[in-house]
Amino acid sequence: MSSSNIEIEAKVLLLKEDYLKVIDGLNLKKYKKFKQTNYYIDTLDSLLKKIGIVLRIREKEDTFELTLKTPLSEGVLEKNEDISWKAMEDMKDNNIFPEGGIKKFLAILGVKVEDLRILTSLTTERISVDYNGYKLDLDKSTYSGITDYELEIESSSMENAQSAATDILTQCGIKDFSFNKVSKQARALNALNK
């Protein structure tokens, strides 16, 4: 199955104590956390990063989804394709890129898929809920020995998403925060260079 959608999210990196305040303040303990691992793909010389593309395979509950994200004037165009465990293993072990629409899209852009590699991974424990008409994700992510915490609010516009995030954080007694523009992929890849 494949799909495309536009994703508009406000994101705030949190301190561990603020992450715990959000869990308590919104009574999120009652929701199940689920685990997902993102495997980030690029060329060794970061070609995709240079042209603004994020490429990953997400493993979640024994399923695998290949995702390509490219920026729009507001938000991100996201293309998703389900792939098999075998396709994931072929990419991980042999750098054989999965067949499908994303591979064709990359070829149109002139990207040589044989040069793509899984460079790093990031594992997230996520609480995901609908909150006052918004999609709220509260994440604890681990990569390269680093743990960080992030609140994501998805909405139809960045203004609405940021307003909702501000309301939630204020309600939880968190006043010192700023919106995060550095993606999980960028944080995971930057950690490799340290």
N, C-alpha and C. Protein backbone atom coordinates (compact mmCIF):
# COMPACT_ATOMS: atom_id res chain seq x y z
N MET A 1 0.85 -1.18 0.00
CA MET A 1 0.00 0.00 0.00
C MET A 1 0.89 1.24 0.00
N SER A 2 0.49 2.25 -0.74
CA SER A 2 1.24 3.51 -0.72
C SER A 2 0.26 4.66 -0.50
N SER A 3 0.81 5.76 0.06
CA SER A 3 -0.02 6.93 0.31
C SER A 3 0.86 8.17 0.30
N SER A 4 0.20 9.31 0.11
CA SER A 4 0.87 10.61 0.21
C SER A 4 0.00 11.51 1.06
N ASN A 5 0.64 12.33 1.88
CA ASN A 5 -0.10 13.30 2.66
C ASN A 5 0.81 14.47 3.00
N ILE A 6 0.18 15.56 3.44
CA ILE A 6 0.93 16.74 3.87
C ILE A 6 0.90 16.74 5.39
N GLU A 7 2.08 16.83 5.97
CA GLU A 7 2.24 16.79 7.42
C GLU A 7 2.66 18.17 7.92
N ILE A 8 1.86 18.73 8.85
CA ILE A 8 2.20 20.01 9.46
C ILE A 8 2.25 19.79 10.97
N GLU A 9 3.44 19.89 11.54
CA GLU A 9 3.64 19.61 12.95
C GLU A 9 4.44 20.72 13.62
N ALA A 10 4.02 21.06 14.83
CA ALA A 10 4.83 21.89 15.71
C ALA A 10 5.53 20.93 16.66
N LYS A 11 6.83 21.14 16.84
CA LYS A 11 7.63 20.23 17.67
C LYS A 11 8.40 21.04 18.70
N VAL A 12 8.46 20.49 19.91
CA VAL A 12 9.20 21.13 20.99
C VAL A 12 10.05 20.06 21.67
N LEU A 13 11.37 20.27 21.69
CA LEU A 13 12.24 19.40 22.49
C LEU A 13 12.03 19.74 23.96
N LEU A 14 11.95 18.71 24.78
CA LEU A 14 11.67 18.89 26.20
C LEU A 14 12.81 18.34 27.06
N LEU A 15 12.97 18.91 28.23
CA LEU A 15 13.81 18.30 29.25
C LEU A 15 13.06 17.09 29.79
N LYS A 16 13.80 16.14 30.38
CA LYS A 16 13.14 14.94 30.92
C LYS A 16 12.07 15.31 31.93
N GLU A 17 12.36 16.29 32.81
CA GLU A 17 11.37 16.66 33.82
C GLU A 17 10.12 17.29 33.19
N ASP A 18 10.28 18.00 32.07
CA ASP A 18 9.12 18.57 31.38
C ASP A 18 8.31 17.49 30.67
N TYR A 19 9.01 16.50 30.12
CA TYR A 19 8.34 15.33 29.52
C TYR A 19 7.45 14.68 30.57
N LEU A 20 7.97 14.49 31.78
CA LEU A 20 7.19 13.88 32.85
C LEU A 20 6.03 14.77 33.28
N LYS A 21 6.23 16.10 33.25
CA LYS A 21 5.14 17.04 33.57
C LYS A 21 4.00 16.91 32.55
N VAL A 22 4.34 16.74 31.28
CA VAL A 22 3.30 16.59 30.25
C VAL A 22 2.53 15.29 30.48
N ILE A 23 3.24 14.20 30.78
CA ILE A 23 2.57 12.93 31.07
C ILE A 23 1.59 13.10 32.22
N ASP A 24 2.06 13.74 33.30
CA ASP A 24 1.19 13.93 34.47
C ASP A 24 0.08 14.94 34.19
N GLY A 25 0.44 16.08 33.59
CA GLY A 25 -0.52 17.17 33.37
C GLY A 25 -1.66 16.79 32.44
N LEU A 26 -1.39 15.92 31.47
CA LEU A 26 -2.43 15.50 30.53
C LEU A 26 -2.97 14.10 30.84
N ASN A 27 -2.52 13.55 31.98
CA ASN A 27 -2.96 12.22 32.39
C ASN A 27 -2.70 11.17 31.29
N LEU A 28 -1.48 11.16 30.78
CA LEU A 28 -1.13 10.27 29.66
C LEU A 28 -0.64 8.90 30.13
N LYS A 29 -0.49 8.70 31.44
CA LYS A 29 -0.01 7.41 31.95
C LYS A 29 -0.95 6.27 31.54
N LYS A 30 -2.22 6.59 31.37
CA LYS A 30 -3.20 5.55 31.08
C LYS A 30 -3.11 5.04 29.64
N TYR A 31 -2.36 5.75 28.79
CA TYR A 31 -2.23 5.34 27.38
C TYR A 31 -1.01 4.46 27.20
N LYS A 32 -1.16 3.51 26.31
CA LYS A 32 -0.06 2.58 26.03
C LYS A 32 1.04 3.28 25.23
N LYS A 33 2.28 3.08 25.65
CA LYS A 33 3.42 3.53 24.85
C LYS A 33 3.71 2.45 23.83
N PHE A 34 4.04 2.86 22.62
CA PHE A 34 4.49 1.87 21.65
C PHE A 34 5.87 2.25 21.16
N LYS A 35 6.58 1.25 20.68
CA LYS A 35 7.95 1.45 20.27
C LYS A 35 8.04 1.36 18.75
N GLN A 36 8.84 2.26 18.19
CA GLN A 36 9.11 2.22 16.75
C GLN A 36 10.58 2.57 16.54
N THR A 37 11.17 1.97 15.52
CA THR A 37 12.56 2.28 15.18
C THR A 37 12.60 2.82 13.77
N ASN A 38 13.23 3.98 13.61
CA ASN A 38 13.43 4.58 12.29
C ASN A 38 14.86 4.31 11.85
N TYR A 39 15.01 3.80 10.63
CA TYR A 39 16.32 3.57 10.02
C TYR A 39 16.48 4.65 8.95
N TYR A 40 17.45 5.53 9.14
CA TYR A 40 17.62 6.68 8.26
C TYR A 40 18.58 6.36 7.12
N ILE A 41 18.16 6.74 5.92
CA ILE A 41 18.84 6.37 4.68
C ILE A 41 19.35 7.62 3.97
N ASP A 42 20.57 7.56 3.48
CA ASP A 42 21.15 8.62 2.65
C ASP A 42 22.37 8.02 1.96
N THR A 43 23.01 8.82 1.13
CA THR A 43 24.28 8.42 0.54
C THR A 43 25.38 8.76 1.54
N LEU A 44 26.55 8.21 1.36
CA LEU A 44 27.66 8.50 2.27
C LEU A 44 28.05 9.97 2.24
N ASP A 45 27.78 10.66 1.10
CA ASP A 45 28.09 12.09 1.01
C ASP A 45 26.85 12.98 1.26
N SER A 46 25.81 12.41 1.86
CA SER A 46 24.61 13.14 2.30
C SER A 46 23.86 13.84 1.16
N LEU A 47 23.74 13.20 0.01
CA LEU A 47 23.05 13.80 -1.13
C LEU A 47 21.61 14.17 -0.80
N LEU A 48 20.86 13.26 -0.16
CA LEU A 48 19.45 13.54 0.14
C LEU A 48 19.33 14.72 1.09
N LYS A 49 20.18 14.77 2.10
CA LYS A 49 20.16 15.90 3.03
C LYS A 49 20.39 17.21 2.27
N LYS A 50 21.31 17.20 1.33
CA LYS A 50 21.63 18.42 0.57
C LYS A 50 20.46 18.91 -0.27
N ILE A 51 19.60 17.97 -0.72
CA ILE A 51 18.45 18.39 -1.53
C ILE A 51 17.15 18.43 -0.72
N GLY A 52 17.28 18.30 0.61
CA GLY A 52 16.14 18.50 1.50
C GLY A 52 15.21 17.31 1.65
N ILE A 53 15.68 16.11 1.33
CA ILE A 53 14.83 14.92 1.41
C ILE A 53 15.21 14.09 2.63
N VAL A 54 14.18 13.63 3.34
CA VAL A 54 14.35 12.67 4.43
C VAL A 54 13.84 11.33 3.92
N LEU A 55 14.62 10.30 4.14
CA LEU A 55 14.24 8.95 3.70
C LEU A 55 14.48 8.00 4.87
N ARG A 56 13.45 7.22 5.20
CA ARG A 56 13.58 6.30 6.33
C ARG A 56 12.75 5.06 6.11
N ILE A 57 13.11 4.03 6.85
CA ILE A 57 12.25 2.85 7.01
C ILE A 57 11.87 2.81 8.48
N ARG A 58 10.56 2.73 8.75
CA ARG A 58 10.07 2.65 10.13
C ARG A 58 9.61 1.23 10.40
N GLU A 59 10.16 0.68 11.47
CA GLU A 59 9.73 -0.63 11.96
C GLU A 59 8.83 -0.42 13.16
N LYS A 60 7.61 -0.95 13.07
CA LYS A 60 6.65 -0.78 14.16
C LYS A 60 5.79 -2.03 14.21
N GLU A 61 5.84 -2.72 15.35
CA GLU A 61 5.02 -3.92 15.54
C GLU A 61 5.16 -4.89 14.38
N ASP A 62 6.39 -5.21 14.02
CA ASP A 62 6.70 -6.19 12.95
C ASP A 62 6.20 -5.78 11.57
N THR A 63 5.95 -4.48 11.36
CA THR A 63 5.65 -3.99 10.02
C THR A 63 6.73 -2.98 9.63
N PHE A 64 6.88 -2.77 8.34
CA PHE A 64 7.91 -1.87 7.83
C PHE A 64 7.30 -0.92 6.82
N GLU A 65 7.61 0.38 6.99
CA GLU A 65 7.09 1.40 6.10
C GLU A 65 8.25 2.27 5.62
N LEU A 66 8.37 2.38 4.31
CA LEU A 66 9.35 3.26 3.68
C LEU A 66 8.71 4.63 3.51
N THR A 67 9.39 5.68 3.97
CA THR A 67 8.83 7.04 3.91
C THR A 67 9.85 8.00 3.31
N LEU A 68 9.37 8.82 2.40
CA LEU A 68 10.14 9.91 1.83
C LEU A 68 9.43 11.20 2.22
N LYS A 69 10.18 12.17 2.76
CA LYS A 69 9.61 13.47 3.10
C LYS A 69 10.39 14.54 2.36
N THR A 70 9.64 15.49 1.79
CA THR A 70 10.26 16.62 1.12
C THR A 70 9.51 17.89 1.52
N PRO A 71 10.23 18.99 1.77
CA PRO A 71 9.59 20.19 2.31
C PRO A 71 8.67 20.90 1.32
N LEU A 72 7.61 21.49 1.87
CA LEU A 72 6.70 22.38 1.14
C LEU A 72 6.81 23.76 1.78
N SER A 73 6.11 24.74 1.23
CA SER A 73 6.17 26.09 1.82
C SER A 73 5.67 26.06 3.26
N GLU A 74 4.66 25.26 3.57
CA GLU A 74 4.24 25.02 4.95
C GLU A 74 4.02 23.53 5.10
N GLY A 75 4.83 22.91 5.94
CA GLY A 75 4.71 21.48 6.16
C GLY A 75 5.61 20.67 5.25
N VAL A 76 5.28 19.40 5.17
CA VAL A 76 6.12 18.43 4.47
C VAL A 76 5.22 17.51 3.65
N LEU A 77 5.62 17.23 2.40
CA LEU A 77 4.96 16.20 1.62
C LEU A 77 5.57 14.88 2.02
N GLU A 78 4.71 13.94 2.40
CA GLU A 78 5.17 12.64 2.87
C GLU A 78 4.61 11.56 1.96
N LYS A 79 5.51 10.71 1.43
CA LYS A 79 5.12 9.55 0.63
C LYS A 79 5.46 8.31 1.43
N ASN A 80 4.50 7.39 1.56
CA ASN A 80 4.69 6.18 2.36
C ASN A 80 4.38 4.94 1.54
N GLU A 81 5.18 3.91 1.75
CA GLU A 81 4.93 2.60 1.13
C GLU A 81 5.23 1.50 2.14
N ASP A 82 4.30 0.57 2.26
CA ASP A 82 4.57 -0.61 3.07
C ASP A 82 5.57 -1.48 2.33
N ILE A 83 6.54 -2.01 3.07
CA ILE A 83 7.50 -2.94 2.48
C ILE A 83 7.54 -4.20 3.34
N SER A 84 8.06 -5.26 2.77
CA SER A 84 8.13 -6.53 3.48
C SER A 84 9.36 -6.59 4.38
N TRP A 85 9.33 -7.55 5.29
CA TRP A 85 10.50 -7.80 6.13
C TRP A 85 11.70 -8.13 5.25
N LYS A 86 11.48 -8.90 4.19
CA LYS A 86 12.57 -9.28 3.27
C LYS A 86 13.16 -8.04 2.61
N ALA A 87 12.32 -7.11 2.17
CA ALA A 87 12.82 -5.87 1.54
C ALA A 87 13.64 -5.07 2.54
N MET A 88 13.20 -5.05 3.80
CA MET A 88 13.95 -4.34 4.84
C MET A 88 15.31 -5.01 5.04
N GLU A 89 15.32 -6.31 5.13
CA GLU A 89 16.58 -7.04 5.33
C GLU A 89 17.52 -6.85 4.14
N ASP A 90 16.96 -6.85 2.92
CA ASP A 90 17.79 -6.63 1.73
C ASP A 90 18.43 -5.24 1.76
N MET A 91 17.69 -4.24 2.22
CA MET A 91 18.23 -2.89 2.30
C MET A 91 19.31 -2.82 3.39
N LYS A 92 19.00 -3.41 4.53
CA LYS A 92 19.91 -3.34 5.68
C LYS A 92 21.21 -4.11 5.41
N ASP A 93 21.08 -5.30 4.86
CA ASP A 93 22.25 -6.18 4.70
C ASP A 93 22.98 -6.01 3.38
N ASN A 94 22.24 -5.66 2.30
CA ASN A 94 22.84 -5.67 0.96
C ASN A 94 22.67 -4.36 0.19
N ASN A 95 22.09 -3.34 0.84
CA ASN A 95 21.86 -2.04 0.19
C ASN A 95 21.03 -2.18 -1.09
N ILE A 96 20.06 -3.09 -1.08
CA ILE A 96 19.15 -3.24 -2.21
C ILE A 96 17.89 -2.45 -1.88
N PHE A 97 17.68 -1.36 -2.61
CA PHE A 97 16.57 -0.46 -2.31
C PHE A 97 15.24 -1.09 -2.71
N PRO A 98 14.21 -0.97 -1.86
CA PRO A 98 12.90 -1.58 -2.16
C PRO A 98 12.27 -1.04 -3.45
N GLU A 99 11.63 -1.92 -4.19
CA GLU A 99 10.91 -1.55 -5.41
C GLU A 99 9.67 -0.75 -5.04
N GLY A 100 9.23 0.13 -5.95
CA GLY A 100 7.98 0.86 -5.72
C GLY A 100 8.06 2.29 -6.19
N GLY A 101 7.03 3.05 -5.83
CA GLY A 101 6.90 4.43 -6.28
C GLY A 101 7.99 5.35 -5.74
N ILE A 102 8.45 5.11 -4.52
CA ILE A 102 9.50 5.97 -3.96
C ILE A 102 10.80 5.77 -4.73
N LYS A 103 11.10 4.54 -5.08
CA LYS A 103 12.30 4.27 -5.89
C LYS A 103 12.20 4.98 -7.23
N LYS A 104 11.04 4.95 -7.84
CA LYS A 104 10.83 5.63 -9.12
C LYS A 104 10.96 7.15 -8.96
N PHE A 105 10.41 7.69 -7.88
CA PHE A 105 10.49 9.13 -7.61
C PHE A 105 11.95 9.56 -7.45
N LEU A 106 12.73 8.78 -6.70
CA LEU A 106 14.15 9.09 -6.52
C LEU A 106 14.90 9.04 -7.85
N ALA A 107 14.54 8.08 -8.70
CA ALA A 107 15.19 7.98 -10.02
C ALA A 107 14.89 9.22 -10.86
N ILE A 108 13.65 9.72 -10.78
CA ILE A 108 13.28 10.94 -11.52
C ILE A 108 14.15 12.11 -11.05
N LEU A 109 14.47 12.13 -9.76
CA LEU A 109 15.31 13.19 -9.20
C LEU A 109 16.80 13.00 -9.53
N GLY A 110 17.12 11.86 -10.13
CA GLY A 110 18.52 11.59 -10.47
C GLY A 110 19.32 10.95 -9.36
N VAL A 111 18.63 10.46 -8.33
CA VAL A 111 19.32 9.80 -7.21
C VAL A 111 19.60 8.35 -7.60
N LYS A 112 20.84 7.94 -7.46
CA LYS A 112 21.24 6.55 -7.72
C LYS A 112 20.93 5.74 -6.46
N VAL A 113 19.87 4.94 -6.53
CA VAL A 113 19.45 4.21 -5.33
C VAL A 113 20.50 3.20 -4.87
N GLU A 114 21.36 2.77 -5.78
CA GLU A 114 22.41 1.83 -5.37
C GLU A 114 23.44 2.49 -4.44
N ASP A 115 23.44 3.83 -4.37
CA ASP A 115 24.35 4.55 -3.48
C ASP A 115 23.74 4.80 -2.10
N LEU A 116 22.47 4.46 -1.92
CA LEU A 116 21.80 4.71 -0.64
C LEU A 116 22.15 3.64 0.38
N ARG A 117 22.30 4.08 1.63
CA ARG A 117 22.66 3.20 2.74
C ARG A 117 21.84 3.57 3.97
N ILE A 118 21.59 2.59 4.82
CA ILE A 118 21.08 2.89 6.16
C ILE A 118 22.28 3.37 6.96
N LEU A 119 22.21 4.63 7.41
CA LEU A 119 23.35 5.24 8.11
C LEU A 119 23.24 5.16 9.63
N THR A 120 22.04 5.22 10.14
CA THR A 120 21.85 5.17 11.60
C THR A 120 20.39 4.83 11.89
N SER A 121 20.11 4.63 13.16
CA SER A 121 18.72 4.36 13.56
C SER A 121 18.41 5.14 14.83
N LEU A 122 17.12 5.30 15.08
CA LEU A 122 16.61 6.01 16.25
C LEU A 122 15.39 5.25 16.72
N THR A 123 15.34 4.91 18.00
CA THR A 123 14.21 4.18 18.55
C THR A 123 13.41 5.11 19.45
N THR A 124 12.10 5.13 19.23
CA THR A 124 11.20 6.02 19.96
C THR A 124 10.16 5.22 20.72
N GLU A 125 9.96 5.60 21.99
CA GLU A 125 8.78 5.17 22.74
C GLU A 125 7.79 6.32 22.62
N ARG A 126 6.61 6.04 22.07
CA ARG A 126 5.65 7.10 21.75
C ARG A 126 4.31 6.87 22.43
N ILE A 127 3.78 7.96 22.97
CA ILE A 127 2.38 8.01 23.38
C ILE A 127 1.69 8.87 22.33
N SER A 128 0.66 8.35 21.70
CA SER A 128 -0.03 9.06 20.63
C SER A 128 -1.52 9.12 20.96
N VAL A 129 -2.06 10.35 21.04
CA VAL A 129 -3.48 10.52 21.38
C VAL A 129 -4.08 11.66 20.57
N ASP A 130 -5.40 11.63 20.43
CA ASP A 130 -6.13 12.78 19.94
C ASP A 130 -6.39 13.67 21.14
N TYR A 131 -6.03 14.96 21.01
CA TYR A 131 -6.17 15.87 22.13
C TYR A 131 -6.79 17.17 21.64
N ASN A 132 -8.02 17.43 22.04
CA ASN A 132 -8.74 18.65 21.66
C ASN A 132 -8.72 18.88 20.15
N GLY A 133 -8.88 17.82 19.38
CA GLY A 133 -8.94 17.94 17.93
C GLY A 133 -7.58 17.91 17.24
N TYR A 134 -6.51 17.73 17.99
CA TYR A 134 -5.16 17.66 17.42
C TYR A 134 -4.58 16.27 17.65
N LYS A 135 -3.65 15.89 16.80
CA LYS A 135 -2.88 14.67 17.05
C LYS A 135 -1.68 15.06 17.89
N LEU A 136 -1.57 14.46 19.06
CA LEU A 136 -0.48 14.72 19.98
C LEU A 136 0.39 13.48 20.08
N ASP A 137 1.69 13.65 19.85
CA ASP A 137 2.66 12.58 20.07
C ASP A 137 3.66 13.06 21.09
N LEU A 138 3.91 12.25 22.10
CA LEU A 138 4.92 12.54 23.11
C LEU A 138 5.97 11.44 23.01
N ASP A 139 7.19 11.83 22.69
CA ASP A 139 8.24 10.87 22.33
C ASP A 139 9.43 10.91 23.28
N LYS A 140 9.95 9.72 23.55
CA LYS A 140 11.25 9.54 24.18
C LYS A 140 12.08 8.77 23.16
N SER A 141 13.13 9.41 22.63
CA SER A 141 13.92 8.82 21.54
C SER A 141 15.35 8.57 21.99
N THR A 142 15.90 7.45 21.51
CA THR A 142 17.27 7.07 21.83
C THR A 142 18.03 6.79 20.55
N TYR A 143 19.24 7.36 20.46
CA TYR A 143 20.10 7.18 19.29
C TYR A 143 21.53 7.48 19.69
N SER A 144 22.46 6.66 19.25
CA SER A 144 23.90 6.87 19.49
C SER A 144 24.20 7.23 20.95
N GLY A 145 23.55 6.56 21.89
CA GLY A 145 23.80 6.80 23.31
C GLY A 145 23.15 8.05 23.87
N ILE A 146 22.33 8.73 23.08
CA ILE A 146 21.65 9.97 23.49
C ILE A 146 20.16 9.67 23.67
N THR A 147 19.55 10.28 24.68
CA THR A 147 18.09 10.20 24.85
C THR A 147 17.55 11.62 24.83
N ASP A 148 16.50 11.84 24.03
CA ASP A 148 15.83 13.14 24.06
C ASP A 148 14.32 12.95 24.10
N TYR A 149 13.63 14.04 24.38
CA TYR A 149 12.18 14.03 24.61
C TYR A 149 11.56 15.11 23.75
N GLU A 150 10.39 14.81 23.15
CA GLU A 150 9.81 15.76 22.22
C GLU A 150 8.28 15.66 22.24
N LEU A 151 7.65 16.83 22.17
CA LEU A 151 6.21 16.94 21.99
C LEU A 151 5.97 17.34 20.54
N GLU A 152 5.07 16.62 19.86
CA GLU A 152 4.68 16.96 18.49
C GLU A 152 3.17 17.14 18.45
N ILE A 153 2.73 18.24 17.84
CA ILE A 153 1.30 18.49 17.63
C ILE A 153 1.08 18.64 16.14
N GLU A 154 0.19 17.82 15.59
CA GLU A 154 -0.12 17.89 14.17
C GLU A 154 -1.46 18.59 13.98
N SER A 155 -1.50 19.50 12.99
CA SER A 155 -2.70 20.28 12.73
C SER A 155 -2.77 20.62 11.25
N SER A 156 -3.80 21.37 10.89
CA SER A 156 -3.97 21.77 9.49
C SER A 156 -3.11 22.97 9.12
N SER A 157 -2.58 23.69 10.15
CA SER A 157 -1.69 24.81 9.88
C SER A 157 -0.64 24.89 10.98
N MET A 158 0.51 25.47 10.66
CA MET A 158 1.57 25.61 11.65
C MET A 158 1.11 26.53 12.79
N GLU A 159 0.37 27.58 12.45
CA GLU A 159 -0.11 28.50 13.48
C GLU A 159 -0.98 27.77 14.51
N ASN A 160 -1.91 26.94 14.03
CA ASN A 160 -2.78 26.17 14.93
C ASN A 160 -1.97 25.18 15.77
N ALA A 161 -1.02 24.50 15.14
CA ALA A 161 -0.21 23.50 15.84
C ALA A 161 0.62 24.16 16.94
N GLN A 162 1.24 25.32 16.62
CA GLN A 162 2.05 26.02 17.62
C GLN A 162 1.19 26.57 18.76
N SER A 163 0.03 27.05 18.42
CA SER A 163 -0.88 27.57 19.45
C SER A 163 -1.31 26.44 20.39
N ALA A 164 -1.65 25.29 19.84
CA ALA A 164 -2.06 24.14 20.66
C ALA A 164 -0.90 23.67 21.54
N ALA A 165 0.30 23.59 20.97
CA ALA A 165 1.47 23.17 21.76
C ALA A 165 1.73 24.16 22.90
N THR A 166 1.64 25.44 22.62
CA THR A 166 1.84 26.46 23.65
C THR A 166 0.81 26.30 24.76
N ASP A 167 -0.45 26.10 24.39
CA ASP A 167 -1.52 25.91 25.39
C ASP A 167 -1.24 24.69 26.27
N ILE A 168 -0.84 23.59 25.64
CA ILE A 168 -0.57 22.35 26.39
C ILE A 168 0.60 22.54 27.35
N LEU A 169 1.68 23.12 26.86
CA LEU A 169 2.86 23.29 27.71
C LEU A 169 2.59 24.26 28.85
N THR A 170 1.84 25.33 28.58
CA THR A 170 1.48 26.29 29.63
C THR A 170 0.61 25.61 30.68
N GLN A 171 -0.36 24.82 30.22
CA GLN A 171 -1.25 24.08 31.11
C GLN A 171 -0.44 23.14 32.03
N CYS A 172 0.67 22.62 31.51
CA CYS A 172 1.51 21.69 32.29
C CYS A 172 2.58 22.42 33.11
N GLY A 173 2.54 23.76 33.11
CA GLY A 173 3.47 24.55 33.91
C GLY A 173 4.85 24.71 33.28
N ILE A 174 4.92 24.55 31.96
CA ILE A 174 6.20 24.68 31.25
C ILE A 174 6.16 25.99 30.48
N LYS A 175 7.01 26.91 30.89
CA LYS A 175 6.99 28.23 30.28
C LYS A 175 8.22 28.50 29.41
N ASP A 176 9.31 27.81 29.69
CA ASP A 176 10.56 28.03 28.97
C ASP A 176 10.73 26.95 27.89
N PHE A 177 10.34 27.28 26.67
CA PHE A 177 10.47 26.32 25.57
C PHE A 177 10.57 27.09 24.26
N SER A 178 11.04 26.40 23.24
CA SER A 178 11.05 26.98 21.89
C SER A 178 10.72 25.88 20.90
N PHE A 179 10.18 26.28 19.78
CA PHE A 179 9.80 25.30 18.77
C PHE A 179 11.06 24.77 18.08
N ASN A 180 11.04 23.48 17.85
CA ASN A 180 12.20 22.77 17.33
C ASN A 180 12.10 22.62 15.82
N LYS A 181 13.15 23.00 15.12
CA LYS A 181 13.19 22.86 13.67
C LYS A 181 14.11 21.72 13.23
N VAL A 182 14.80 21.08 14.19
CA VAL A 182 15.74 20.01 13.86
C VAL A 182 15.02 18.67 13.95
N SER A 183 14.92 17.98 12.83
CA SER A 183 14.18 16.72 12.77
C SER A 183 14.89 15.62 13.55
N LYS A 184 14.14 14.55 13.83
CA LYS A 184 14.76 13.38 14.47
C LYS A 184 15.90 12.85 13.61
N GLN A 185 15.67 12.80 12.30
CA GLN A 185 16.72 12.31 11.40
C GLN A 185 17.98 13.15 11.53
N ALA A 186 17.83 14.46 11.51
CA ALA A 186 19.01 15.35 11.61
C ALA A 186 19.71 15.15 12.94
N ARG A 187 18.96 15.01 14.03
CA ARG A 187 19.59 14.79 15.33
C ARG A 187 20.35 13.47 15.35
N ALA A 188 19.74 12.43 14.79
CA ALA A 188 20.40 11.12 14.78
C ALA A 188 21.65 11.13 13.91
N LEU A 189 21.57 11.77 12.74
CA LEU A 189 22.74 11.83 11.86
C LEU A 189 23.81 12.75 12.43
N ASN A 190 23.42 13.86 13.04
CA ASN A 190 24.40 14.76 13.66
C ASN A 190 25.15 14.07 14.79
N ALA A 191 24.46 13.18 15.51
CA ALA A 191 25.11 12.46 16.62
C ALA A 191 26.22 11.54 16.11
N LEU A 192 26.13 11.10 14.86
CA LEU A 192 27.17 10.25 14.29
C LEU A 192 28.47 11.03 14.11
N ASN A 193 28.36 12.33 13.89
CA ASN A 193 29.52 13.16 13.60
C ASN A 193 30.20 13.70 14.85
N LYS A 194 29.70 13.32 16.01
CA LYS A 194 30.29 13.84 17.27
C LYS A 194 31.31 12.87 17.80
